[in-house]
Amino acid sequence: MPWIITKYLITAAIVVAVSELAKRSDRLGALLASLPLVTLLALTWLYLDKQPAEKIANHAWYTFWYVVPTLPMFLIFPRLFARFGFWPALALSAVITVVCFGIFALIVRPLGIKLL
């Protein structure tokens, strides 16, 4: 139980650090947020939890393919935010991301990449 609490605290501290840095500097906050910190933490936790190498490698592999369809959201959100406000823009961005993911999953399936 202490190990899971440690993982929660470290992970939460990084998320809070990103949001606090973003308050002070848009660019530095975005830079830190764009780093694959959650993935690095997940890979570290998997390794420290003695998961098989194949599982850790698969996590990194699928993370790449799941990130690609989320990228349009970062371009769309600022325009939606300016037009509709924060919450509607966030909700629309989430819907757009799900749609992009579905389309992307269909596009890469013939390549042997099964995301769904």
C-alpha atoms as a PDB file:
ATOM      1  CA  MET A   1       0.000   0.000   0.000  1.00  0.00           C
ATOM      2  CA  PRO A   2       2.788   2.538   0.699  1.00  0.00           C
ATOM      3  CA  TRP A   3       4.129   1.963  -2.841  1.00  0.00           C
ATOM      4  CA  ILE A   4       0.818   2.866  -4.521  1.00  0.00           C
ATOM      5  CA  ILE A   5       0.533   5.972  -2.335  1.00  0.00           C
ATOM      6  CA  THR A   6       4.080   6.959  -3.348  1.00  0.00           C
ATOM      7  CA  LYS A   7       3.170   6.539  -7.024  1.00  0.00           C
ATOM      8  CA  TYR A   8       0.040   8.677  -6.552  1.00  0.00           C
ATOM      9  CA  LEU A   9       1.968  11.416  -4.776  1.00  0.00           C
ATOM     10  CA  ILE A  10       4.771  11.591  -7.358  1.00  0.00           C
ATOM     11  CA  THR A  11       2.343  11.534 -10.282  1.00  0.00           C
ATOM     12  CA  ALA A  12       0.089  14.171  -8.694  1.00  0.00           C
ATOM     13  CA  ALA A  13       3.091  16.379  -7.900  1.00  0.00           C
ATOM     14  CA  ILE A  14       4.088  16.414 -11.560  1.00  0.00           C
ATOM     15  CA  VAL A  15       0.577  17.355 -12.704  1.00  0.00           C
ATOM     16  CA  VAL A  16       0.433  20.162 -10.120  1.00  0.00           C
ATOM     17  CA  ALA A  17       3.919  21.352 -11.143  1.00  0.00           C
ATOM     18  CA  VAL A  18       2.823  21.583 -14.782  1.00  0.00           C
ATOM     19  CA  SER A  19      -0.272  23.612 -13.917  1.00  0.00           C
ATOM     20  CA  GLU A  20       1.664  25.913 -11.587  1.00  0.00           C
ATOM     21  CA  LEU A  21       4.395  26.490 -14.163  1.00  0.00           C
ATOM     22  CA  ALA A  22       1.746  27.203 -16.806  1.00  0.00           C
ATOM     23  CA  LYS A  23       0.388  30.009 -14.587  1.00  0.00           C
ATOM     24  CA  ARG A  24       3.778  31.706 -14.742  1.00  0.00           C
ATOM     25  CA  SER A  25       4.790  30.961 -18.317  1.00  0.00           C
ATOM     26  CA  ASP A  26       2.564  29.795 -21.167  1.00  0.00           C
ATOM     27  CA  ARG A  27       5.497  28.473 -23.142  1.00  0.00           C
ATOM     28  CA  LEU A  28       7.306  26.667 -20.324  1.00  0.00           C
ATOM     29  CA  GLY A  29       4.048  25.219 -19.025  1.00  0.00           C
ATOM     30  CA  ALA A  30       3.163  23.959 -22.493  1.00  0.00           C
ATOM     31  CA  LEU A  31       6.671  22.589 -22.989  1.00  0.00           C
ATOM     32  CA  LEU A  32       6.501  20.645 -19.747  1.00  0.00           C
ATOM     33  CA  ALA A  33       2.953  19.468 -20.516  1.00  0.00           C
ATOM     34  CA  SER A  34       3.998  18.312 -23.982  1.00  0.00           C
ATOM     35  CA  LEU A  35       6.723  16.076 -22.619  1.00  0.00           C
ATOM     36  CA  PRO A  36       5.614  12.479 -22.271  1.00  0.00           C
ATOM     37  CA  LEU A  37       5.804  12.671 -18.481  1.00  0.00           C
ATOM     38  CA  VAL A  38       2.794  10.453 -17.839  1.00  0.00           C
ATOM     39  CA  THR A  39       4.154   7.854 -20.242  1.00  0.00           C
ATOM     40  CA  LEU A  40       7.600   8.010 -18.660  1.00  0.00           C
ATOM     41  CA  LEU A  41       6.041   7.580 -15.236  1.00  0.00           C
ATOM     42  CA  ALA A  42       3.864   4.698 -16.437  1.00  0.00           C
ATOM     43  CA  LEU A  43       6.869   2.979 -18.010  1.00  0.00           C
ATOM     44  CA  THR A  44       8.844   3.490 -14.803  1.00  0.00           C
ATOM     45  CA  TRP A  45       6.009   2.173 -12.616  1.00  0.00           C
ATOM     46  CA  LEU A  46       5.574  -0.859 -14.902  1.00  0.00           C
ATOM     47  CA  TYR A  47       9.308  -1.577 -14.748  1.00  0.00           C
ATOM     48  CA  LEU A  48       9.521  -1.142 -10.970  1.00  0.00           C
ATOM     49  CA  ASP A  49       6.441  -3.363 -10.613  1.00  0.00           C
ATOM     50  CA  LYS A  50       8.442  -6.029 -12.480  1.00  0.00           C
ATOM     51  CA  GLN A  51       6.168  -6.223 -15.509  1.00  0.00           C
ATOM     52  CA  PRO A  52       7.464  -8.201 -18.500  1.00  0.00           C
ATOM     53  CA  ALA A  53       9.575  -6.312 -21.047  1.00  0.00           C
ATOM     54  CA  GLU A  54       7.002  -7.056 -23.745  1.00  0.00           C
ATOM     55  CA  LYS A  55       4.249  -5.367 -21.729  1.00  0.00           C
ATOM     56  CA  ILE A  56       6.408  -2.273 -21.164  1.00  0.00           C
ATOM     57  CA  ALA A  57       7.385  -2.113 -24.847  1.00  0.00           C
ATOM     58  CA  ASN A  58       3.751  -2.554 -25.929  1.00  0.00           C
ATOM     59  CA  HIS A  59       2.734   0.316 -23.670  1.00  0.00           C
ATOM     60  CA  ALA A  60       5.198   2.641 -25.417  1.00  0.00           C
ATOM     61  CA  TRP A  61       4.170   1.346 -28.868  1.00  0.00           C
ATOM     62  CA  TYR A  62       0.443   1.883 -28.334  1.00  0.00           C
ATOM     63  CA  THR A  63       0.976   5.230 -26.623  1.00  0.00           C
ATOM     64  CA  PHE A  64       2.519   6.540 -29.838  1.00  0.00           C
ATOM     65  CA  TRP A  65      -0.482   5.456 -31.889  1.00  0.00           C
ATOM     66  CA  TYR A  66      -2.967   6.834 -29.352  1.00  0.00           C
ATOM     67  CA  VAL A  67      -1.242  10.234 -29.219  1.00  0.00           C
ATOM     68  CA  VAL A  68      -1.421  10.909 -32.964  1.00  0.00           C
ATOM     69  CA  PRO A  69      -5.233  11.367 -33.189  1.00  0.00           C
ATOM     70  CA  THR A  70      -5.247  13.643 -30.131  1.00  0.00           C
ATOM     71  CA  LEU A  71      -3.038  16.270 -31.776  1.00  0.00           C
ATOM     72  CA  PRO A  72      -5.821  18.085 -33.702  1.00  0.00           C
ATOM     73  CA  MET A  73      -7.432  18.960 -30.373  1.00  0.00           C
ATOM     74  CA  PHE A  74      -4.525  21.250 -29.532  1.00  0.00           C
ATOM     75  CA  LEU A  75      -5.122  23.221 -32.717  1.00  0.00           C
ATOM     76  CA  ILE A  76      -8.916  23.296 -32.429  1.00  0.00           C
ATOM     77  CA  PHE A  77      -9.297  24.084 -28.719  1.00  0.00           C
ATOM     78  CA  PRO A  78      -7.982  27.690 -28.819  1.00  0.00           C
ATOM     79  CA  ARG A  79     -10.497  28.643 -31.538  1.00  0.00           C
ATOM     80  CA  LEU A  80     -13.359  26.898 -29.791  1.00  0.00           C
ATOM     81  CA  PHE A  81     -12.393  28.524 -26.487  1.00  0.00           C
ATOM     82  CA  ALA A  82     -12.419  31.992 -28.027  1.00  0.00           C
ATOM     83  CA  ARG A  83     -15.817  31.365 -29.587  1.00  0.00           C
ATOM     84  CA  PHE A  84     -17.722  29.299 -27.005  1.00  0.00           C
ATOM     85  CA  GLY A  85     -15.901  29.615 -23.679  1.00  0.00           C
ATOM     86  CA  PHE A  86     -13.945  27.072 -21.687  1.00  0.00           C
ATOM     87  CA  TRP A  87     -16.394  24.278 -20.817  1.00  0.00           C
ATOM     88  CA  PRO A  88     -18.113  24.042 -24.215  1.00  0.00           C
ATOM     89  CA  ALA A  89     -14.698  24.177 -25.919  1.00  0.00           C
ATOM     90  CA  LEU A  90     -13.390  21.434 -23.658  1.00  0.00           C
ATOM     91  CA  ALA A  91     -16.435  19.242 -24.322  1.00  0.00           C
ATOM     92  CA  LEU A  92     -16.309  19.839 -28.093  1.00  0.00           C
ATOM     93  CA  SER A  93     -12.579  19.152 -28.099  1.00  0.00           C
ATOM     94  CA  ALA A  94     -13.173  15.854 -26.320  1.00  0.00           C
ATOM     95  CA  VAL A  95     -15.838  14.868 -28.865  1.00  0.00           C
ATOM     96  CA  ILE A  96     -13.582  15.871 -31.763  1.00  0.00           C
ATOM     97  CA  THR A  97     -10.743  13.841 -30.246  1.00  0.00           C
ATOM     98  CA  VAL A  98     -12.955  10.753 -29.974  1.00  0.00           C
ATOM     99  CA  VAL A  99     -14.064  11.167 -33.600  1.00  0.00           C
ATOM    100  CA  CYS A 100     -10.453  11.661 -34.758  1.00  0.00           C
ATOM    101  CA  PHE A 101      -9.446   8.595 -32.800  1.00  0.00           C
ATOM    102  CA  GLY A 102     -12.179   6.485 -34.399  1.00  0.00           C
ATOM    103  CA  ILE A 103     -11.237   7.631 -37.901  1.00  0.00           C
ATOM    104  CA  PHE A 104      -7.533   7.135 -37.213  1.00  0.00           C
ATOM    105  CA  ALA A 105      -8.142   3.625 -35.855  1.00  0.00           C
ATOM    106  CA  LEU A 106      -9.952   2.729 -39.084  1.00  0.00           C
ATOM    107  CA  ILE A 107      -7.148   4.198 -41.207  1.00  0.00           C
ATOM    108  CA  VAL A 108      -4.336   2.295 -39.471  1.00  0.00           C
ATOM    109  CA  ARG A 109      -6.183  -1.024 -39.156  1.00  0.00           C
ATOM    110  CA  PRO A 110      -5.196  -2.150 -42.694  1.00  0.00           C
ATOM    111  CA  LEU A 111      -1.567  -1.580 -41.621  1.00  0.00           C
ATOM    112  CA  GLY A 112      -1.999  -4.203 -38.907  1.00  0.00           C
ATOM    113  CA  ILE A 113      -2.329  -1.685 -36.068  1.00  0.00           C
ATOM    114  CA  LYS A 114      -5.393  -2.538 -34.012  1.00  0.00           C
ATOM    115  CA  LEU A 115      -6.290   0.310 -31.663  1.00  0.00           C
ATOM    116  CA  LEU A 116      -9.885  -0.681 -30.953  1.00  0.00           C
END
